[in-house]
């Protein structure tokens, strides 16, 4: 990345953000299966349940694809909470 080039939003994702995805899924009583379906439908992101679980548990390295998945997951949950008045 060039010195003055700004990072995209998803490149700023951390393990804390991955933990936030898991916490918000639990709080809203949503399943990883639901999230996987929404990621595929809304963002065209295909991920296996085992991969998503490793990411949300912080067991997978934070590369660009992982960071993008976390960012998109947060957007999906944001949309759910706006529409259904999250918990």
PDB file of N, CA and C in Angstrom:
ATOM      1  N   UNK A   1       0.846  -1.170   0.000  1.00  0.00           N
ATOM      2  CA  UNK A   1       0.000   0.000   0.000  1.00  0.00           C
ATOM      3  C   UNK A   1       0.892   1.233   0.000  1.00  0.00           C
ATOM      4  N   UNK A   2       0.512   2.212  -0.798  1.00  0.00           N
ATOM      5  CA  UNK A   2       1.277   3.444  -0.885  1.00  0.00           C
ATOM      6  C   UNK A   2       1.114   4.249   0.396  1.00  0.00           C
ATOM      7  N   UNK A   3       2.083   5.104   0.650  1.00  0.00           N
ATOM      8  CA  UNK A   3       2.141   5.858   1.900  1.00  0.00           C
ATOM      9  C   UNK A   3       0.865   6.659   2.173  1.00  0.00           C
ATOM     10  N   UNK A   4       0.343   7.364   1.215  1.00  0.00           N
ATOM     11  CA  UNK A   4      -0.818   8.226   1.421  1.00  0.00           C
ATOM     12  C   UNK A   4      -2.143   7.563   1.080  1.00  0.00           C
ATOM     13  N   UNK A   5      -2.094   6.301   0.699  1.00  0.00           N
ATOM     14  CA  UNK A   5      -3.317   5.600   0.321  1.00  0.00           C
ATOM     15  C   UNK A   5      -4.113   5.224   1.570  1.00  0.00           C
ATOM     16  N   UNK A   6      -5.382   5.550   1.555  1.00  0.00           N
ATOM     17  CA  UNK A   6      -6.262   5.278   2.692  1.00  0.00           C
ATOM     18  C   UNK A   6      -6.720   3.827   2.651  1.00  0.00           C
ATOM     19  N   UNK A   7      -6.755   3.196   3.811  1.00  0.00           N
ATOM     20  CA  UNK A   7      -7.241   1.811   3.897  1.00  0.00           C
ATOM     21  C   UNK A   7      -8.746   1.800   3.734  1.00  0.00           C
ATOM     22  N   UNK A   8      -9.260   0.716   3.124  1.00  0.00           N
ATOM     23  CA  UNK A   8     -10.704   0.571   3.034  1.00  0.00           C
ATOM     24  C   UNK A   8     -11.237   0.160   4.404  1.00  0.00           C
ATOM     25  N   UNK A   9     -12.518   0.360   4.619  1.00  0.00           N
ATOM     26  CA  UNK A   9     -13.135   0.087   5.924  1.00  0.00           C
ATOM     27  C   UNK A   9     -12.869  -1.330   6.402  1.00  0.00           C
ATOM     28  N   UNK A  10     -12.991  -2.297   5.497  1.00  0.00           N
ATOM     29  CA  UNK A  10     -12.838  -3.679   5.938  1.00  0.00           C
ATOM     30  C   UNK A  10     -11.410  -4.018   6.322  1.00  0.00           C
ATOM     31  N   UNK A  11     -10.426  -3.265   5.839  1.00  0.00           N
ATOM     32  CA  UNK A  11      -9.036  -3.537   6.198  1.00  0.00           C
ATOM     33  C   UNK A  11      -8.719  -3.120   7.635  1.00  0.00           C
ATOM     34  N   UNK A  12      -9.649  -2.436   8.274  1.00  0.00           N
ATOM     35  CA  UNK A  12      -9.449  -1.997   9.649  1.00  0.00           C
ATOM     36  C   UNK A  12     -10.049  -2.965  10.658  1.00  0.00           C
ATOM     37  N   UNK A  13     -10.619  -4.073  10.203  1.00  0.00           N
ATOM     38  CA  UNK A  13     -11.263  -5.036  11.081  1.00  0.00           C
ATOM     39  C   UNK A  13     -10.223  -5.745  11.954  1.00  0.00           C
ATOM     40  N   UNK A  14     -10.610  -6.049  13.197  1.00  0.00           N
ATOM     41  CA  UNK A  14      -9.725  -6.701  14.158  1.00  0.00           C
ATOM     42  C   UNK A  14     -10.403  -7.940  14.742  1.00  0.00           C
ATOM     43  N   UNK A  15      -9.684  -8.641  15.599  1.00  0.00           N
ATOM     44  CA  UNK A  15     -10.272  -9.789  16.292  1.00  0.00           C
ATOM     45  C   UNK A  15     -11.400  -9.347  17.218  1.00  0.00           C
ATOM     46  N   UNK A  16     -11.324  -8.128  17.736  1.00  0.00           N
ATOM     47  CA  UNK A  16     -12.421  -7.604  18.555  1.00  0.00           C
ATOM     48  C   UNK A  16     -13.701  -7.487  17.734  1.00  0.00           C
ATOM     49  N   UNK A  17     -13.562  -7.115  16.463  1.00  0.00           N
ATOM     50  CA  UNK A  17     -14.729  -7.025  15.587  1.00  0.00           C
ATOM     51  C   UNK A  17     -15.313  -8.410  15.328  1.00  0.00           C
ATOM     52  N   UNK A  18     -14.446  -9.416  15.196  1.00  0.00           N
ATOM     53  CA  UNK A  18     -14.921 -10.790  15.008  1.00  0.00           C
ATOM     54  C   UNK A  18     -15.697 -11.241  16.248  1.00  0.00           C
ATOM     55  N   UNK A  19     -15.187 -10.898  17.431  1.00  0.00           N
ATOM     56  CA  UNK A  19     -15.885 -11.243  18.670  1.00  0.00           C
ATOM     57  C   UNK A  19     -17.221 -10.510  18.750  1.00  0.00           C
ATOM     58  N   UNK A  20     -17.272  -9.281  18.227  1.00  0.00           N
ATOM     59  CA  UNK A  20     -18.516  -8.505  18.229  1.00  0.00           C
ATOM     60  C   UNK A  20     -19.562  -9.167  17.337  1.00  0.00           C
ATOM     61  N   UNK A  21     -19.123  -9.747  16.225  1.00  0.00           N
ATOM     62  CA  UNK A  21     -20.060 -10.454  15.341  1.00  0.00           C
ATOM     63  C   UNK A  21     -20.694 -11.607  16.116  1.00  0.00           C
ATOM     64  N   UNK A  22     -19.864 -12.407  16.787  1.00  0.00           N
ATOM     65  CA  UNK A  22     -20.380 -13.546  17.546  1.00  0.00           C
ATOM     66  C   UNK A  22     -21.325 -13.074  18.653  1.00  0.00           C
ATOM     67  N   UNK A  23     -20.951 -12.043  19.372  1.00  0.00           N
ATOM     68  CA  UNK A  23     -21.773 -11.533  20.473  1.00  0.00           C
ATOM     69  C   UNK A  23     -23.119 -11.024  19.964  1.00  0.00           C
ATOM     70  N   UNK A  24     -23.106 -10.322  18.837  1.00  0.00           N
ATOM     71  CA  UNK A  24     -24.342  -9.779  18.289  1.00  0.00           C
ATOM     72  C   UNK A  24     -25.228 -10.877  17.715  1.00  0.00           C
ATOM     73  N   UNK A  25     -24.638 -11.924  17.145  1.00  0.00           N
ATOM     74  CA  UNK A  25     -25.432 -13.068  16.704  1.00  0.00           C
ATOM     75  C   UNK A  25     -26.139 -13.687  17.906  1.00  0.00           C
ATOM     76  N   UNK A  26     -25.390 -13.898  18.976  1.00  0.00           N
ATOM     77  CA  UNK A  26     -25.968 -14.486  20.192  1.00  0.00           C
ATOM     78  C   UNK A  26     -27.059 -13.594  20.771  1.00  0.00           C
ATOM     79  N   UNK A  27     -26.782 -12.302  20.875  1.00  0.00           N
ATOM     80  CA  UNK A  27     -27.733 -11.365  21.470  1.00  0.00           C
ATOM     81  C   UNK A  27     -29.053 -11.330  20.696  1.00  0.00           C
ATOM     82  N   UNK A  28     -28.957 -11.423  19.368  1.00  0.00           N
ATOM     83  CA  UNK A  28     -30.157 -11.386  18.524  1.00  0.00           C
ATOM     84  C   UNK A  28     -30.726 -12.770  18.238  1.00  0.00           C
ATOM     85  N   UNK A  29     -30.124 -13.786  18.869  1.00  0.00           N
ATOM     86  CA  UNK A  29     -30.545 -15.187  18.692  1.00  0.00           C
ATOM     87  C   UNK A  29     -30.527 -15.604  17.228  1.00  0.00           C
ATOM     88  N   UNK A  30     -29.455 -15.231  16.558  1.00  0.00           N
ATOM     89  CA  UNK A  30     -29.253 -15.583  15.161  1.00  0.00           C
ATOM     90  C   UNK A  30     -28.185 -16.665  15.079  1.00  0.00           C
ATOM     91  N   UNK A  31     -28.277 -17.502  14.079  1.00  0.00           N
ATOM     92  CA  UNK A  31     -27.320 -18.598  13.924  1.00  0.00           C
ATOM     93  C   UNK A  31     -26.248 -18.246  12.894  1.00  0.00           C
ATOM     94  N   UNK A  32     -25.156 -18.984  12.973  1.00  0.00           N
ATOM     95  CA  UNK A  32     -24.122 -18.830  11.948  1.00  0.00           C
ATOM     96  C   UNK A  32     -24.670 -19.255  10.587  1.00  0.00           C
ATOM     97  N   UNK A  33     -25.540 -20.240  10.586  1.00  0.00           N
ATOM     98  CA  UNK A  33     -26.162 -20.686   9.327  1.00  0.00           C
ATOM     99  C   UNK A  33     -26.930 -19.533   8.688  1.00  0.00           C
ATOM    100  N   UNK A  34     -27.663 -18.768   9.506  1.00  0.00           N
ATOM    101  CA  UNK A  34     -28.388 -17.592   9.009  1.00  0.00           C
ATOM    102  C   UNK A  34     -27.408 -16.584   8.412  1.00  0.00           C
ATOM    103  N   UNK A  35     -26.316 -16.316   9.123  1.00  0.00           N
ATOM    104  CA  UNK A  35     -25.327 -15.357   8.645  1.00  0.00           C
ATOM    105  C   UNK A  35     -24.690 -15.822   7.338  1.00  0.00           C
ATOM    106  N   UNK A  36     -24.362 -17.095   7.250  1.00  0.00           N
ATOM    107  CA  UNK A  36     -23.773 -17.647   6.026  1.00  0.00           C
ATOM    108  C   UNK A  36     -24.720 -17.444   4.845  1.00  0.00           C
ATOM    109  N   UNK A  37     -26.004 -17.716   5.055  1.00  0.00           N
ATOM    110  CA  UNK A  37     -27.001 -17.517   4.008  1.00  0.00           C
ATOM    111  C   UNK A  37     -27.049 -16.053   3.576  1.00  0.00           C
ATOM    112  N   UNK A  38     -27.088 -15.142   4.558  1.00  0.00           N
ATOM    113  CA  UNK A  38     -27.172 -13.706   4.246  1.00  0.00           C
ATOM    114  C   UNK A  38     -25.913 -13.201   3.553  1.00  0.00           C
ATOM    115  N   UNK A  39     -24.751 -13.658   3.966  1.00  0.00           N
ATOM    116  CA  UNK A  39     -23.494 -13.242   3.322  1.00  0.00           C
ATOM    117  C   UNK A  39     -23.487 -13.667   1.854  1.00  0.00           C
ATOM    118  N   UNK A  40     -23.949 -14.878   1.596  1.00  0.00           N
ATOM    119  CA  UNK A  40     -23.989 -15.369   0.220  1.00  0.00           C
ATOM    120  C   UNK A  40     -25.010 -14.587  -0.599  1.00  0.00           C
ATOM    121  N   UNK A  41     -26.170 -14.376  -0.032  1.00  0.00           N
ATOM    122  CA  UNK A  41     -27.267 -13.719  -0.757  1.00  0.00           C
ATOM    123  C   UNK A  41     -26.997 -12.234  -1.018  1.00  0.00           C
ATOM    124  N   UNK A  42     -26.514 -11.525   0.000  1.00  0.00           N
ATOM    125  CA  UNK A  42     -26.363 -10.077  -0.107  1.00  0.00           C
ATOM    126  C   UNK A  42     -24.998  -9.633  -0.619  1.00  0.00           C
ATOM    127  N   UNK A  43     -23.958 -10.400  -0.350  1.00  0.00           N
ATOM    128  CA  UNK A  43     -22.604  -9.973  -0.699  1.00  0.00           C
ATOM    129  C   UNK A  43     -21.896 -10.921  -1.651  1.00  0.00           C
ATOM    130  N   UNK A  44     -22.512 -12.075  -1.938  1.00  0.00           N
ATOM    131  CA  UNK A  44     -21.866 -13.044  -2.823  1.00  0.00           C
ATOM    132  C   UNK A  44     -20.650 -13.703  -2.188  1.00  0.00           C
ATOM    133  N   UNK A  45     -20.634 -13.743  -0.845  1.00  0.00           N
ATOM    134  CA  UNK A  45     -19.513 -14.333  -0.122  1.00  0.00           C
ATOM    135  C   UNK A  45     -19.910 -15.733   0.311  1.00  0.00           C
ATOM    136  N   UNK A  46     -19.150 -16.720  -0.150  1.00  0.00           N
ATOM    137  CA  UNK A  46     -19.405 -18.107   0.211  1.00  0.00           C
ATOM    138  C   UNK A  46     -18.395 -18.521   1.281  1.00  0.00           C
ATOM    139  N   UNK A  47     -18.900 -19.034   2.388  1.00  0.00           N
ATOM    140  CA  UNK A  47     -18.024 -19.463   3.486  1.00  0.00           C
ATOM    141  C   UNK A  47     -18.649 -20.693   4.140  1.00  0.00           C
ATOM    142  N   UNK A  48     -17.814 -21.632   4.546  1.00  0.00           N
ATOM    143  CA  UNK A  48     -18.286 -22.825   5.247  1.00  0.00           C
ATOM    144  C   UNK A  48     -18.458 -22.498   6.725  1.00  0.00           C
ATOM    145  N   UNK A  49     -19.330 -23.243   7.383  1.00  0.00           N
ATOM    146  CA  UNK A  49     -19.590 -23.009   8.805  1.00  0.00           C
ATOM    147  C   UNK A  49     -18.315 -23.152   9.631  1.00  0.00           C
ATOM    148  N   UNK A  50     -17.490 -24.138   9.311  1.00  0.00           N
ATOM    149  CA  UNK A  50     -16.248 -24.342  10.072  1.00  0.00           C
ATOM    150  C   UNK A  50     -15.300 -23.158   9.906  1.00  0.00           C
ATOM    151  N   UNK A  51     -15.247 -22.591   8.687  1.00  0.00           N
ATOM    152  CA  UNK A  51     -14.397 -21.420   8.448  1.00  0.00           C
ATOM    153  C   UNK A  51     -14.912 -20.216   9.236  1.00  0.00           C
ATOM    154  N   UNK A  52     -16.227 -19.989   9.182  1.00  0.00           N
ATOM    155  CA  UNK A  52     -16.810 -18.859   9.905  1.00  0.00           C
ATOM    156  C   UNK A  52     -16.573 -19.012  11.404  1.00  0.00           C
ATOM    157  N   UNK A  53     -16.732 -20.209  11.914  1.00  0.00           N
ATOM    158  CA  UNK A  53     -16.517 -20.459  13.333  1.00  0.00           C
ATOM    159  C   UNK A  53     -15.072 -20.150  13.733  1.00  0.00           C
ATOM    160  N   UNK A  54     -14.117 -20.575  12.929  1.00  0.00           N
ATOM    161  CA  UNK A  54     -12.702 -20.283  13.209  1.00  0.00           C
ATOM    162  C   UNK A  54     -12.428 -18.784  13.200  1.00  0.00           C
ATOM    163  N   UNK A  55     -13.038 -18.075  12.269  1.00  0.00           N
ATOM    164  CA  UNK A  55     -12.859 -16.621  12.181  1.00  0.00           C
ATOM    165  C   UNK A  55     -13.430 -15.948  13.419  1.00  0.00           C
ATOM    166  N   UNK A  56     -14.657 -16.306  13.792  1.00  0.00           N
ATOM    167  CA  UNK A  56     -15.314 -15.669  14.929  1.00  0.00           C
ATOM    168  C   UNK A  56     -14.663 -16.052  16.259  1.00  0.00           C
ATOM    169  N   UNK A  57     -13.972 -17.193  16.290  1.00  0.00           N
ATOM    170  CA  UNK A  57     -13.247 -17.610  17.491  1.00  0.00           C
ATOM    171  C   UNK A  57     -11.826 -17.043  17.539  1.00  0.00           C
ATOM    172  N   UNK A  58     -11.435 -16.318  16.480  1.00  0.00           N
ATOM    173  CA  UNK A  58     -10.092 -15.735  16.436  1.00  0.00           C
ATOM    174  C   UNK A  58      -9.001 -16.744  16.153  1.00  0.00           C
ATOM    175  N   UNK A  59      -9.360 -17.875  15.548  1.00  0.00           N
ATOM    176  CA  UNK A  59      -8.396 -18.934  15.257  1.00  0.00           C
ATOM    177  C   UNK A  59      -7.845 -18.860  13.836  1.00  0.00           C
ATOM    178  N   UNK A  60      -8.295 -17.899  13.071  1.00  0.00           N
ATOM    179  CA  UNK A  60      -7.858 -17.750  11.684  1.00  0.00           C
ATOM    180  C   UNK A  60      -7.167 -16.400  11.545  1.00  0.00           C
ATOM    181  N   UNK A  61      -6.096 -16.366  10.789  1.00  0.00           N
ATOM    182  CA  UNK A  61      -5.336 -15.121  10.595  1.00  0.00           C
ATOM    183  C   UNK A  61      -6.201 -14.056   9.927  1.00  0.00           C
ATOM    184  N   UNK A  62      -5.934 -12.810  10.274  1.00  0.00           N
ATOM    185  CA  UNK A  62      -6.702 -11.685   9.722  1.00  0.00           C
ATOM    186  C   UNK A  62      -6.083 -11.194   8.421  1.00  0.00           C
ATOM    187  N   UNK A  63      -6.402 -11.871   7.348  1.00  0.00           N
ATOM    188  CA  UNK A  63      -5.998 -11.419   6.025  1.00  0.00           C
ATOM    189  C   UNK A  63      -7.116 -10.592   5.413  1.00  0.00           C
ATOM    190  N   UNK A  64      -6.912 -10.076   4.206  1.00  0.00           N
ATOM    191  CA  UNK A  64      -7.929  -9.247   3.553  1.00  0.00           C
ATOM    192  C   UNK A  64      -9.292  -9.931   3.403  1.00  0.00           C
ATOM    193  N   UNK A  65      -9.310 -11.221   3.052  1.00  0.00           N
ATOM    194  CA  UNK A  65     -10.584 -11.921   2.870  1.00  0.00           C
ATOM    195  C   UNK A  65     -11.313 -12.076   4.206  1.00  0.00           C
ATOM    196  N   UNK A  66     -10.570 -12.412   5.240  1.00  0.00           N
ATOM    197  CA  UNK A  66     -11.165 -12.561   6.573  1.00  0.00           C
ATOM    198  C   UNK A  66     -11.705 -11.227   7.064  1.00  0.00           C
ATOM    199  N   UNK A  67     -10.935 -10.171   6.878  1.00  0.00           N
ATOM    200  CA  UNK A  67     -11.370  -8.844   7.308  1.00  0.00           C
ATOM    201  C   UNK A  67     -12.625  -8.409   6.554  1.00  0.00           C
ATOM    202  N   UNK A  68     -12.678  -8.697   5.270  1.00  0.00           N
ATOM    203  CA  UNK A  68     -13.861  -8.333   4.490  1.00  0.00           C
ATOM    204  C   UNK A  68     -15.082  -9.115   4.977  1.00  0.00           C
ATOM    205  N   UNK A  69     -14.887 -10.393   5.291  1.00  0.00           N
ATOM    206  CA  UNK A  69     -15.998 -11.203   5.789  1.00  0.00           C
ATOM    207  C   UNK A  69     -16.526 -10.637   7.112  1.00  0.00           C
ATOM    208  N   UNK A  70     -15.640 -10.228   7.999  1.00  0.00           N
ATOM    209  CA  UNK A  70     -16.058  -9.642   9.277  1.00  0.00           C
ATOM    210  C   UNK A  70     -16.817  -8.346   9.024  1.00  0.00           C
ATOM    211  N   UNK A  71     -16.293  -7.505   8.152  1.00  0.00           N
ATOM    212  CA  UNK A  71     -16.926  -6.220   7.847  1.00  0.00           C
ATOM    213  C   UNK A  71     -18.333  -6.453   7.278  1.00  0.00           C
ATOM    214  N   UNK A  72     -18.450  -7.361   6.329  1.00  0.00           N
ATOM    215  CA  UNK A  72     -19.755  -7.651   5.723  1.00  0.00           C
ATOM    216  C   UNK A  72     -20.709  -8.267   6.742  1.00  0.00           C
ATOM    217  N   UNK A  73     -20.194  -9.093   7.625  1.00  0.00           N
ATOM    218  CA  UNK A  73     -21.028  -9.692   8.673  1.00  0.00           C
ATOM    219  C   UNK A  73     -21.625  -8.619   9.571  1.00  0.00           C
ATOM    220  N   UNK A  74     -20.810  -7.647   9.941  1.00  0.00           N
ATOM    221  CA  UNK A  74     -21.311  -6.542  10.768  1.00  0.00           C
ATOM    222  C   UNK A  74     -22.382  -5.747  10.033  1.00  0.00           C
ATOM    223  N   UNK A  75     -22.214  -5.537   8.727  1.00  0.00           N
ATOM    224  CA  UNK A  75     -23.223  -4.812   7.944  1.00  0.00           C
ATOM    225  C   UNK A  75     -24.532  -5.591   7.894  1.00  0.00           C
ATOM    226  N   UNK A  76     -24.448  -6.911   7.724  1.00  0.00           N
ATOM    227  CA  UNK A  76     -25.651  -7.756   7.687  1.00  0.00           C
ATOM    228  C   UNK A  76     -26.395  -7.650   9.019  1.00  0.00           C
ATOM    229  N   UNK A  77     -25.659  -7.739  10.122  1.00  0.00           N
ATOM    230  CA  UNK A  77     -26.296  -7.669  11.444  1.00  0.00           C
ATOM    231  C   UNK A  77     -26.833  -6.266  11.702  1.00  0.00           C
ATOM    232  N   UNK A  78     -26.113  -5.236  11.255  1.00  0.00           N
ATOM    233  CA  UNK A  78     -26.625  -3.853  11.376  1.00  0.00           C
ATOM    234  C   UNK A  78     -27.987  -3.738  10.700  1.00  0.00           C
ATOM    235  N   UNK A  79     -28.081  -4.273   9.492  1.00  0.00           N
ATOM    236  CA  UNK A  79     -29.331  -4.211   8.726  1.00  0.00           C
ATOM    237  C   UNK A  79     -30.448  -4.956   9.461  1.00  0.00           C
ATOM    238  N   UNK A  80     -30.121  -6.124   9.994  1.00  0.00           N
ATOM    239  CA  UNK A  80     -31.110  -6.899  10.749  1.00  0.00           C
ATOM    240  C   UNK A  80     -31.619  -6.088  11.944  1.00  0.00           C
ATOM    241  N   UNK A  81     -30.690  -5.496  12.685  1.00  0.00           N
ATOM    242  CA  UNK A  81     -31.072  -4.747  13.886  1.00  0.00           C
ATOM    243  C   UNK A  81     -31.886  -3.503  13.540  1.00  0.00           C
ATOM    244  N   UNK A  82     -31.569  -2.859  12.434  1.00  0.00           N
ATOM    245  CA  UNK A  82     -32.357  -1.695  12.004  1.00  0.00           C
ATOM    246  C   UNK A  82     -33.788  -2.111  11.644  1.00  0.00           C
ATOM    247  N   UNK A  83     -33.895  -3.224  10.933  1.00  0.00           N
ATOM    248  CA  UNK A  83     -35.187  -3.674  10.456  1.00  0.00           C
ATOM    249  C   UNK A  83     -36.033  -4.278  11.575  1.00  0.00           C
ATOM    250  N   UNK A  84     -35.410  -5.106  12.413  1.00  0.00           N
ATOM    251  CA  UNK A  84     -36.154  -5.814  13.455  1.00  0.00           C
ATOM    252  C   UNK A  84     -35.974  -5.213  14.842  1.00  0.00           C
ATOM    253  N   UNK A  85     -35.254  -4.107  14.950  1.00  0.00           N
ATOM    254  CA  UNK A  85     -35.052  -3.492  16.265  1.00  0.00           C
ATOM    255  C   UNK A  85     -34.266  -4.401  17.178  1.00  0.00           C
ATOM    256  N   UNK A  86     -33.021  -4.648  16.814  1.00  0.00           N
ATOM    257  CA  UNK A  86     -32.150  -5.566  17.550  1.00  0.00           C
ATOM    258  C   UNK A  86     -32.201  -5.423  19.060  1.00  0.00           C
ATOM    259  N   UNK A  87     -31.715  -6.441  19.720  1.00  0.00           N
ATOM    260  CA  UNK A  87     -31.746  -6.496  21.186  1.00  0.00           C
ATOM    261  C   UNK A  87     -30.560  -5.798  21.783  1.00  0.00           C
TER     262      UNK A  87
END
